[in-house]
Amino acid sequence: MCRSIRSLHNFEPPATDEEVHAAALQYVRKVSGSTKPSRANAEAFERAVDGVARATAELLDELVTSAPPRDRELEAAPRRELAAKRYAA
């Protein structure tokens, strides 16, 4: 799947609407093969993003776990280090 889509389940604080929308947008971009749809496809593209975002929010609301919530900063630290090394040049 798309590398830029991050796990959104079991974080404290919970995923925001913006994070859910960003993940939906990345998914639709990947599936459609287009980062920016043509005018002819823009409406269908946006409907798809909205639908995926709605389904994702419903899923996140219904998932249950006994694991303790994960810390966003702890999860992001390795990705930031990798990016710093990758783009240091």
PDB file of N, CA and C in Angstrom:
ATOM      1  N   MET A   1       0.858  -1.186   0.000  1.00  0.00           N
ATOM      2  CA  MET A   1       0.000   0.000   0.000  1.00  0.00           C
ATOM      3  C   MET A   1       0.889   1.229   0.000  1.00  0.00           C
ATOM      4  N   CYS A   2       0.285   2.335   0.052  1.00  0.00           N
ATOM      5  CA  CYS A   2       0.971   3.616  -0.024  1.00  0.00           C
ATOM      6  C   CYS A   2       1.757   3.886   1.262  1.00  0.00           C
ATOM      7  N   ARG A   3       3.022   4.196   1.127  1.00  0.00           N
ATOM      8  CA  ARG A   3       3.869   4.420   2.291  1.00  0.00           C
ATOM      9  C   ARG A   3       3.448   5.615   3.132  1.00  0.00           C
ATOM     10  N   SER A   4       2.815   6.606   2.516  1.00  0.00           N
ATOM     11  CA  SER A   4       2.480   7.809   3.263  1.00  0.00           C
ATOM     12  C   SER A   4       1.202   7.662   4.089  1.00  0.00           C
ATOM     13  N   ILE A   5       0.499   6.550   3.960  1.00  0.00           N
ATOM     14  CA  ILE A   5      -0.669   6.317   4.802  1.00  0.00           C
ATOM     15  C   ILE A   5      -0.173   5.693   6.101  1.00  0.00           C
ATOM     16  N   ARG A   6      -0.465   6.351   7.202  1.00  0.00           N
ATOM     17  CA  ARG A   6      -0.030   5.894   8.522  1.00  0.00           C
ATOM     18  C   ARG A   6      -1.185   5.237   9.263  1.00  0.00           C
ATOM     19  N   SER A   7      -0.847   4.370  10.173  1.00  0.00           N
ATOM     20  CA  SER A   7      -1.849   3.769  11.033  1.00  0.00           C
ATOM     21  C   SER A   7      -2.523   4.860  11.856  1.00  0.00           C
ATOM     22  N   LEU A   8      -3.839   4.801  11.972  1.00  0.00           N
ATOM     23  CA  LEU A   8      -4.587   5.820  12.708  1.00  0.00           C
ATOM     24  C   LEU A   8      -5.275   5.258  13.946  1.00  0.00           C
ATOM     25  N   HIS A   9      -5.218   3.957  14.128  1.00  0.00           N
ATOM     26  CA  HIS A   9      -5.928   3.307  15.233  1.00  0.00           C
ATOM     27  C   HIS A   9      -5.102   3.276  16.515  1.00  0.00           C
ATOM     28  N   ASN A  10      -5.784   3.483  17.614  1.00  0.00           N
ATOM     29  CA  ASN A  10      -5.241   3.328  18.965  1.00  0.00           C
ATOM     30  C   ASN A  10      -4.155   4.349  19.304  1.00  0.00           C
ATOM     31  N   PHE A  11      -4.413   5.590  19.005  1.00  0.00           N
ATOM     32  CA  PHE A  11      -3.510   6.673  19.393  1.00  0.00           C
ATOM     33  C   PHE A  11      -4.205   7.571  20.404  1.00  0.00           C
ATOM     34  N   GLU A  12      -3.418   8.182  21.234  1.00  0.00           N
ATOM     35  CA  GLU A  12      -3.928   9.182  22.166  1.00  0.00           C
ATOM     36  C   GLU A  12      -3.205  10.474  21.890  1.00  0.00           C
ATOM     37  N   PRO A  13      -3.870  11.525  21.493  1.00  0.00           N
ATOM     38  CA  PRO A  13      -5.295  11.633  21.221  1.00  0.00           C
ATOM     39  C   PRO A  13      -5.674  10.905  19.932  1.00  0.00           C
ATOM     40  N   PRO A  14      -6.961  10.610  19.768  1.00  0.00           N
ATOM     41  CA  PRO A  14      -7.411   9.891  18.567  1.00  0.00           C
ATOM     42  C   PRO A  14      -7.114  10.663  17.286  1.00  0.00           C
ATOM     43  N   ALA A  15      -7.174   9.956  16.180  1.00  0.00           N
ATOM     44  CA  ALA A  15      -6.944  10.572  14.870  1.00  0.00           C
ATOM     45  C   ALA A  15      -7.938  11.708  14.639  1.00  0.00           C
ATOM     46  N   THR A  16      -7.440  12.767  14.043  1.00  0.00           N
ATOM     47  CA  THR A  16      -8.293  13.920  13.739  1.00  0.00           C
ATOM     48  C   THR A  16      -8.984  13.713  12.392  1.00  0.00           C
ATOM     49  N   ASP A  17     -10.001  14.532  12.145  1.00  0.00           N
ATOM     50  CA  ASP A  17     -10.680  14.480  10.844  1.00  0.00           C
ATOM     51  C   ASP A  17      -9.698  14.772   9.714  1.00  0.00           C
ATOM     52  N   GLU A  18      -8.747  15.674   9.959  1.00  0.00           N
ATOM     53  CA  GLU A  18      -7.750  16.019   8.938  1.00  0.00           C
ATOM     54  C   GLU A  18      -6.861  14.819   8.616  1.00  0.00           C
ATOM     55  N   GLU A  19      -6.461  14.058   9.635  1.00  0.00           N
ATOM     56  CA  GLU A  19      -5.635  12.870   9.402  1.00  0.00           C
ATOM     57  C   GLU A  19      -6.411  11.813   8.630  1.00  0.00           C
ATOM     58  N   VAL A  20      -7.671  11.632   8.979  1.00  0.00           N
ATOM     59  CA  VAL A  20      -8.518  10.661   8.275  1.00  0.00           C
ATOM     60  C   VAL A  20      -8.684  11.083   6.817  1.00  0.00           C
ATOM     61  N   HIS A  21      -8.929  12.366   6.583  1.00  0.00           N
ATOM     62  CA  HIS A  21      -9.088  12.867   5.211  1.00  0.00           C
ATOM     63  C   HIS A  21      -7.793  12.706   4.421  1.00  0.00           C
ATOM     64  N   ALA A  22      -6.648  13.003   5.044  1.00  0.00           N
ATOM     65  CA  ALA A  22      -5.356  12.869   4.355  1.00  0.00           C
ATOM     66  C   ALA A  22      -5.095  11.418   3.961  1.00  0.00           C
ATOM     67  N   ALA A  23      -5.429  10.474   4.845  1.00  0.00           N
ATOM     68  CA  ALA A  23      -5.250   9.057   4.524  1.00  0.00           C
ATOM     69  C   ALA A  23      -6.178   8.649   3.384  1.00  0.00           C
ATOM     70  N   ALA A  24      -7.421   9.145   3.417  1.00  0.00           N
ATOM     71  CA  ALA A  24      -8.376   8.831   2.350  1.00  0.00           C
ATOM     72  C   ALA A  24      -7.895   9.393   1.021  1.00  0.00           C
ATOM     73  N   LEU A  25      -7.388  10.604   1.041  1.00  0.00           N
ATOM     74  CA  LEU A  25      -6.872  11.229  -0.175  1.00  0.00           C
ATOM     75  C   LEU A  25      -5.714  10.414  -0.753  1.00  0.00           C
ATOM     76  N   GLN A  26      -4.787   9.979   0.093  1.00  0.00           N
ATOM     77  CA  GLN A  26      -3.664   9.177  -0.377  1.00  0.00           C
ATOM     78  C   GLN A  26      -4.137   7.851  -0.974  1.00  0.00           C
ATOM     79  N   TYR A  27      -5.129   7.245  -0.326  1.00  0.00           N
ATOM     80  CA  TYR A  27      -5.664   5.986  -0.838  1.00  0.00           C
ATOM     81  C   TYR A  27      -6.286   6.176  -2.221  1.00  0.00           C
ATOM     82  N   VAL A  28      -7.122   7.195  -2.370  1.00  0.00           N
ATOM     83  CA  VAL A  28      -7.788   7.435  -3.651  1.00  0.00           C
ATOM     84  C   VAL A  28      -6.762   7.800  -4.725  1.00  0.00           C
ATOM     85  N   ARG A  29      -5.751   8.567  -4.359  1.00  0.00           N
ATOM     86  CA  ARG A  29      -4.691   8.881  -5.323  1.00  0.00           C
ATOM     87  C   ARG A  29      -4.002   7.612  -5.801  1.00  0.00           C
ATOM     88  N   LYS A  30      -3.711   6.711  -4.869  1.00  0.00           N
ATOM     89  CA  LYS A  30      -3.022   5.466  -5.216  1.00  0.00           C
ATOM     90  C   LYS A  30      -3.891   4.603  -6.130  1.00  0.00           C
ATOM     91  N   VAL A  31      -5.144   4.439  -5.747  1.00  0.00           N
ATOM     92  CA  VAL A  31      -6.044   3.579  -6.513  1.00  0.00           C
ATOM     93  C   VAL A  31      -6.317   4.152  -7.900  1.00  0.00           C
ATOM     94  N   SER A  32      -6.488   5.475  -7.975  1.00  0.00           N
ATOM     95  CA  SER A  32      -6.812   6.094  -9.268  1.00  0.00           C
ATOM     96  C   SER A  32      -5.583   6.293 -10.146  1.00  0.00           C
ATOM     97  N   GLY A  33      -4.398   6.274  -9.531  1.00  0.00           N
ATOM     98  CA  GLY A  33      -3.182   6.511 -10.299  1.00  0.00           C
ATOM     99  C   GLY A  33      -2.995   7.971 -10.653  1.00  0.00           C
ATOM    100  N   SER A  34      -3.674   8.856  -9.925  1.00  0.00           N
ATOM    101  CA  SER A  34      -3.626  10.278 -10.241  1.00  0.00           C
ATOM    102  C   SER A  34      -3.531  11.093  -8.959  1.00  0.00           C
ATOM    103  N   THR A  35      -2.584  12.025  -8.919  1.00  0.00           N
ATOM    104  CA  THR A  35      -2.487  12.893  -7.747  1.00  0.00           C
ATOM    105  C   THR A  35      -3.435  14.072  -7.853  1.00  0.00           C
ATOM    106  N   LYS A  36      -3.744  14.473  -9.074  1.00  0.00           N
ATOM    107  CA  LYS A  36      -4.687  15.568  -9.294  1.00  0.00           C
ATOM    108  C   LYS A  36      -5.557  15.172 -10.481  1.00  0.00           C
ATOM    109  N   PRO A  37      -6.834  14.929 -10.218  1.00  0.00           N
ATOM    110  CA  PRO A  37      -7.696  14.470 -11.309  1.00  0.00           C
ATOM    111  C   PRO A  37      -8.004  15.595 -12.301  1.00  0.00           C
ATOM    112  N   SER A  38      -8.375  15.208 -13.495  1.00  0.00           N
ATOM    113  CA  SER A  38      -8.807  16.184 -14.496  1.00  0.00           C
ATOM    114  C   SER A  38     -10.133  16.792 -14.038  1.00  0.00           C
ATOM    115  N   ARG A  39     -10.511  17.897 -14.651  1.00  0.00           N
ATOM    116  CA  ARG A  39     -11.796  18.522 -14.296  1.00  0.00           C
ATOM    117  C   ARG A  39     -12.960  17.550 -14.503  1.00  0.00           C
ATOM    118  N   ALA A  40     -12.845  16.737 -15.524  1.00  0.00           N
ATOM    119  CA  ALA A  40     -13.909  15.774 -15.816  1.00  0.00           C
ATOM    120  C   ALA A  40     -14.065  14.737 -14.704  1.00  0.00           C
ATOM    121  N   ASN A  41     -12.973  14.447 -14.001  1.00  0.00           N
ATOM    122  CA  ASN A  41     -12.997  13.428 -12.953  1.00  0.00           C
ATOM    123  C   ASN A  41     -12.980  13.999 -11.542  1.00  0.00           C
ATOM    124  N   ALA A  42     -12.897  15.299 -11.388  1.00  0.00           N
ATOM    125  CA  ALA A  42     -12.732  15.921 -10.071  1.00  0.00           C
ATOM    126  C   ALA A  42     -13.873  15.586  -9.114  1.00  0.00           C
ATOM    127  N   GLU A  43     -15.098  15.633  -9.608  1.00  0.00           N
ATOM    128  CA  GLU A  43     -16.245  15.362  -8.739  1.00  0.00           C
ATOM    129  C   GLU A  43     -16.242  13.916  -8.240  1.00  0.00           C
ATOM    130  N   ALA A  44     -15.974  12.986  -9.130  1.00  0.00           N
ATOM    131  CA  ALA A  44     -15.917  11.568  -8.743  1.00  0.00           C
ATOM    132  C   ALA A  44     -14.768  11.338  -7.760  1.00  0.00           C
ATOM    133  N   PHE A  45     -13.644  11.992  -8.000  1.00  0.00           N
ATOM    134  CA  PHE A  45     -12.469  11.876  -7.127  1.00  0.00           C
ATOM    135  C   PHE A  45     -12.820  12.354  -5.716  1.00  0.00           C
ATOM    136  N   GLU A  46     -13.440  13.526  -5.615  1.00  0.00           N
ATOM    137  CA  GLU A  46     -13.808  14.082  -4.303  1.00  0.00           C
ATOM    138  C   GLU A  46     -14.848  13.226  -3.596  1.00  0.00           C
ATOM    139  N   ARG A  47     -15.810  12.704  -4.358  1.00  0.00           N
ATOM    140  CA  ARG A  47     -16.807  11.800  -3.753  1.00  0.00           C
ATOM    141  C   ARG A  47     -16.127  10.564  -3.190  1.00  0.00           C
ATOM    142  N   ALA A  48     -15.148  10.043  -3.926  1.00  0.00           N
ATOM    143  CA  ALA A  48     -14.419   8.862  -3.456  1.00  0.00           C
ATOM    144  C   ALA A  48     -13.645   9.179  -2.185  1.00  0.00           C
ATOM    145  N   VAL A  49     -12.971  10.322  -2.152  1.00  0.00           N
ATOM    146  CA  VAL A  49     -12.219  10.716  -0.953  1.00  0.00           C
ATOM    147  C   VAL A  49     -13.172  10.836   0.237  1.00  0.00           C
ATOM    148  N   ASP A  50     -14.302  11.502   0.034  1.00  0.00           N
ATOM    149  CA  ASP A  50     -15.281  11.651   1.116  1.00  0.00           C
ATOM    150  C   ASP A  50     -15.810  10.302   1.591  1.00  0.00           C
ATOM    151  N   GLY A  51     -16.087   9.404   0.666  1.00  0.00           N
ATOM    152  CA  GLY A  51     -16.592   8.074   1.023  1.00  0.00           C
ATOM    153  C   GLY A  51     -15.576   7.265   1.801  1.00  0.00           C
ATOM    154  N   VAL A  52     -14.332   7.292   1.348  1.00  0.00           N
ATOM    155  CA  VAL A  52     -13.276   6.560   2.046  1.00  0.00           C
ATOM    156  C   VAL A  52     -13.040   7.167   3.434  1.00  0.00           C
ATOM    157  N   ALA A  53     -13.070   8.487   3.524  1.00  0.00           N
ATOM    158  CA  ALA A  53     -12.892   9.147   4.827  1.00  0.00           C
ATOM    159  C   ALA A  53     -14.022   8.765   5.780  1.00  0.00           C
ATOM    160  N   ARG A  54     -15.255   8.738   5.280  1.00  0.00           N
ATOM    161  CA  ARG A  54     -16.406   8.343   6.114  1.00  0.00           C
ATOM    162  C   ARG A  54     -16.247   6.909   6.605  1.00  0.00           C
ATOM    163  N   ALA A  55     -15.900   6.014   5.688  1.00  0.00           N
ATOM    164  CA  ALA A  55     -15.726   4.603   6.051  1.00  0.00           C
ATOM    165  C   ALA A  55     -14.579   4.437   7.051  1.00  0.00           C
ATOM    166  N   THR A  56     -13.515   5.189   6.860  1.00  0.00           N
ATOM    167  CA  THR A  56     -12.376   5.112   7.772  1.00  0.00           C
ATOM    168  C   THR A  56     -12.762   5.598   9.158  1.00  0.00           C
ATOM    169  N   ALA A  57     -13.476   6.702   9.237  1.00  0.00           N
ATOM    170  CA  ALA A  57     -13.908   7.234  10.538  1.00  0.00           C
ATOM    171  C   ALA A  57     -14.825   6.241  11.244  1.00  0.00           C
ATOM    172  N   GLU A  58     -15.737   5.625  10.499  1.00  0.00           N
ATOM    173  CA  GLU A  58     -16.625   4.609  11.093  1.00  0.00           C
ATOM    174  C   GLU A  58     -15.823   3.432  11.614  1.00  0.00           C
ATOM    175  N   LEU A  59     -14.869   2.982  10.831  1.00  0.00           N
ATOM    176  CA  LEU A  59     -14.031   1.866  11.250  1.00  0.00           C
ATOM    177  C   LEU A  59     -13.280   2.206  12.532  1.00  0.00           C
ATOM    178  N   LEU A  60     -12.634   3.360  12.562  1.00  0.00           N
ATOM    179  CA  LEU A  60     -11.869   3.755  13.748  1.00  0.00           C
ATOM    180  C   LEU A  60     -12.763   3.879  14.975  1.00  0.00           C
ATOM    181  N   ASP A  61     -13.999   4.344  14.791  1.00  0.00           N
ATOM    182  CA  ASP A  61     -14.940   4.466  15.904  1.00  0.00           C
ATOM    183  C   ASP A  61     -15.363   3.108  16.455  1.00  0.00           C
ATOM    184  N   GLU A  62     -15.400   2.096  15.593  1.00  0.00           N
ATOM    185  CA  GLU A  62     -15.902   0.783  15.995  1.00  0.00           C
ATOM    186  C   GLU A  62     -14.817  -0.184  16.455  1.00  0.00           C
ATOM    187  N   LEU A  63     -13.560   0.071  16.107  1.00  0.00           N
ATOM    188  CA  LEU A  63     -12.490  -0.843  16.513  1.00  0.00           C
ATOM    189  C   LEU A  63     -12.300  -0.807  18.026  1.00  0.00           C
ATOM    190  N   VAL A  64     -12.047  -1.972  18.603  1.00  0.00           N
ATOM    191  CA  VAL A  64     -11.761  -2.069  20.038  1.00  0.00           C
ATOM    192  C   VAL A  64     -10.427  -2.777  20.216  1.00  0.00           C
ATOM    193  N   THR A  65      -9.750  -2.443  21.293  1.00  0.00           N
ATOM    194  CA  THR A  65      -8.476  -3.078  21.599  1.00  0.00           C
ATOM    195  C   THR A  65      -8.245  -3.033  23.094  1.00  0.00           C
ATOM    196  N   SER A  66      -7.486  -3.996  23.577  1.00  0.00           N
ATOM    197  CA  SER A  66      -7.122  -3.986  24.995  1.00  0.00           C
ATOM    198  C   SER A  66      -5.707  -3.426  25.183  1.00  0.00           C
ATOM    199  N   ALA A  67      -5.054  -3.119  24.063  1.00  0.00           N
ATOM    200  CA  ALA A  67      -3.693  -2.567  24.127  1.00  0.00           C
ATOM    201  C   ALA A  67      -3.752  -1.107  24.585  1.00  0.00           C
ATOM    202  N   PRO A  68      -2.732  -0.664  25.298  1.00  0.00           N
ATOM    203  CA  PRO A  68      -2.713   0.746  25.701  1.00  0.00           C
ATOM    204  C   PRO A  68      -2.529   1.639  24.476  1.00  0.00           C
ATOM    205  N   PRO A  69      -3.065   2.853  24.514  1.00  0.00           N
ATOM    206  CA  PRO A  69      -2.911   3.765  23.367  1.00  0.00           C
ATOM    207  C   PRO A  69      -1.440   4.046  23.085  1.00  0.00           C
ATOM    208  N   ARG A  70      -1.125   4.195  21.818  1.00  0.00           N
ATOM    209  CA  ARG A  70       0.247   4.494  21.406  1.00  0.00           C
ATOM    210  C   ARG A  70       0.488   6.000  21.457  1.00  0.00           C
ATOM    211  N   ASP A  71       1.737   6.359  21.628  1.00  0.00           N
ATOM    212  CA  ASP A  71       2.145   7.761  21.693  1.00  0.00           C
ATOM    213  C   ASP A  71       2.569   8.213  20.302  1.00  0.00           C
ATOM    214  N   ARG A  72       1.953   9.274  19.802  1.00  0.00           N
ATOM    215  CA  ARG A  72       2.254   9.769  18.459  1.00  0.00           C
ATOM    216  C   ARG A  72       3.710  10.174  18.300  1.00  0.00           C
ATOM    217  N   GLU A  73       4.236  10.852  19.290  1.00  0.00           N
ATOM    218  CA  GLU A  73       5.622  11.324  19.204  1.00  0.00           C
ATOM    219  C   GLU A  73       6.604  10.159  19.159  1.00  0.00           C
ATOM    220  N   LEU A  74       6.357   9.142  19.968  1.00  0.00           N
ATOM    221  CA  LEU A  74       7.233   7.969  19.972  1.00  0.00           C
ATOM    222  C   LEU A  74       7.188   7.250  18.629  1.00  0.00           C
ATOM    223  N   GLU A  75       6.014   7.153  18.040  1.00  0.00           N
ATOM    224  CA  GLU A  75       5.848   6.489  16.744  1.00  0.00           C
ATOM    225  C   GLU A  75       6.488   7.296  15.614  1.00  0.00           C
ATOM    226  N   ALA A  76       6.464   8.617  15.722  1.00  0.00           N
ATOM    227  CA  ALA A  76       6.971   9.483  14.659  1.00  0.00           C
ATOM    228  C   ALA A  76       8.483   9.656  14.705  1.00  0.00           C
ATOM    229  N   ALA A  77       9.092   9.464  15.857  1.00  0.00           N
ATOM    230  CA  ALA A  77      10.532   9.716  16.021  1.00  0.00           C
ATOM    231  C   ALA A  77      11.395   8.936  15.020  1.00  0.00           C
ATOM    232  N   PRO A  78      11.206   7.624  14.847  1.00  0.00           N
ATOM    233  CA  PRO A  78      12.042   6.902  13.869  1.00  0.00           C
ATOM    234  C   PRO A  78      11.862   7.417  12.438  1.00  0.00           C
ATOM    235  N   ARG A  79      10.634   7.800  12.083  1.00  0.00           N
ATOM    236  CA  ARG A  79      10.405   8.334  10.738  1.00  0.00           C
ATOM    237  C   ARG A  79      11.110   9.674  10.545  1.00  0.00           C
ATOM    238  N   ARG A  80      11.100  10.507  11.591  1.00  0.00           N
ATOM    239  CA  ARG A  80      11.797  11.798  11.509  1.00  0.00           C
ATOM    240  C   ARG A  80      13.304  11.599  11.382  1.00  0.00           C
ATOM    241  N   GLU A  81      13.856  10.653  12.145  1.00  0.00           N
ATOM    242  CA  GLU A  81      15.298  10.374  12.048  1.00  0.00           C
ATOM    243  C   GLU A  81      15.666   9.892  10.651  1.00  0.00           C
ATOM    244  N   LEU A  82      14.872   8.990  10.105  1.00  0.00           N
ATOM    245  CA  LEU A  82      15.127   8.481   8.773  1.00  0.00           C
ATOM    246  C   LEU A  82      15.062   9.604   7.750  1.00  0.00           C
ATOM    247  N   ALA A  83      14.063  10.472   7.868  1.00  0.00           N
ATOM    248  CA  ALA A  83      13.936  11.590   6.936  1.00  0.00           C
ATOM    249  C   ALA A  83      15.105  12.544   7.060  1.00  0.00           C
ATOM    250  N   ALA A  84      15.563  12.786   8.278  1.00  0.00           N
ATOM    251  CA  ALA A  84      16.702  13.674   8.488  1.00  0.00           C
ATOM    252  C   ALA A  84      17.956  13.111   7.813  1.00  0.00           C
ATOM    253  N   LYS A  85      18.177  11.801   7.929  1.00  0.00           N
ATOM    254  CA  LYS A  85      19.328  11.176   7.274  1.00  0.00           C
ATOM    255  C   LYS A  85      19.175  11.220   5.759  1.00  0.00           C
ATOM    256  N   ARG A  86      17.970  10.925   5.304  1.00  0.00           N
ATOM    257  CA  ARG A  86      17.722  10.856   3.859  1.00  0.00           C
ATOM    258  C   ARG A  86      17.894  12.209   3.185  1.00  0.00           C
ATOM    259  N   TYR A  87      17.446  13.279   3.844  1.00  0.00           N
ATOM    260  CA  TYR A  87      17.458  14.594   3.213  1.00  0.00           C
ATOM    261  C   TYR A  87      18.549  15.511   3.755  1.00  0.00           C
ATOM    262  N   ALA A  88      19.529  14.953   4.448  1.00  0.00           N
ATOM    263  CA  ALA A  88      20.602  15.758   5.026  1.00  0.00           C
ATOM    264  C   ALA A  88      21.539  16.342   3.957  1.00  0.00           C
ATOM    265  N   ALA A  89      21.605  15.697   2.838  1.00  0.00           N
ATOM    266  CA  ALA A  89      22.523  16.131   1.766  1.00  0.00           C
ATOM    267  C   ALA A  89      22.100  17.398   1.177  1.00  0.00           C
TER     268      ALA A  89
END
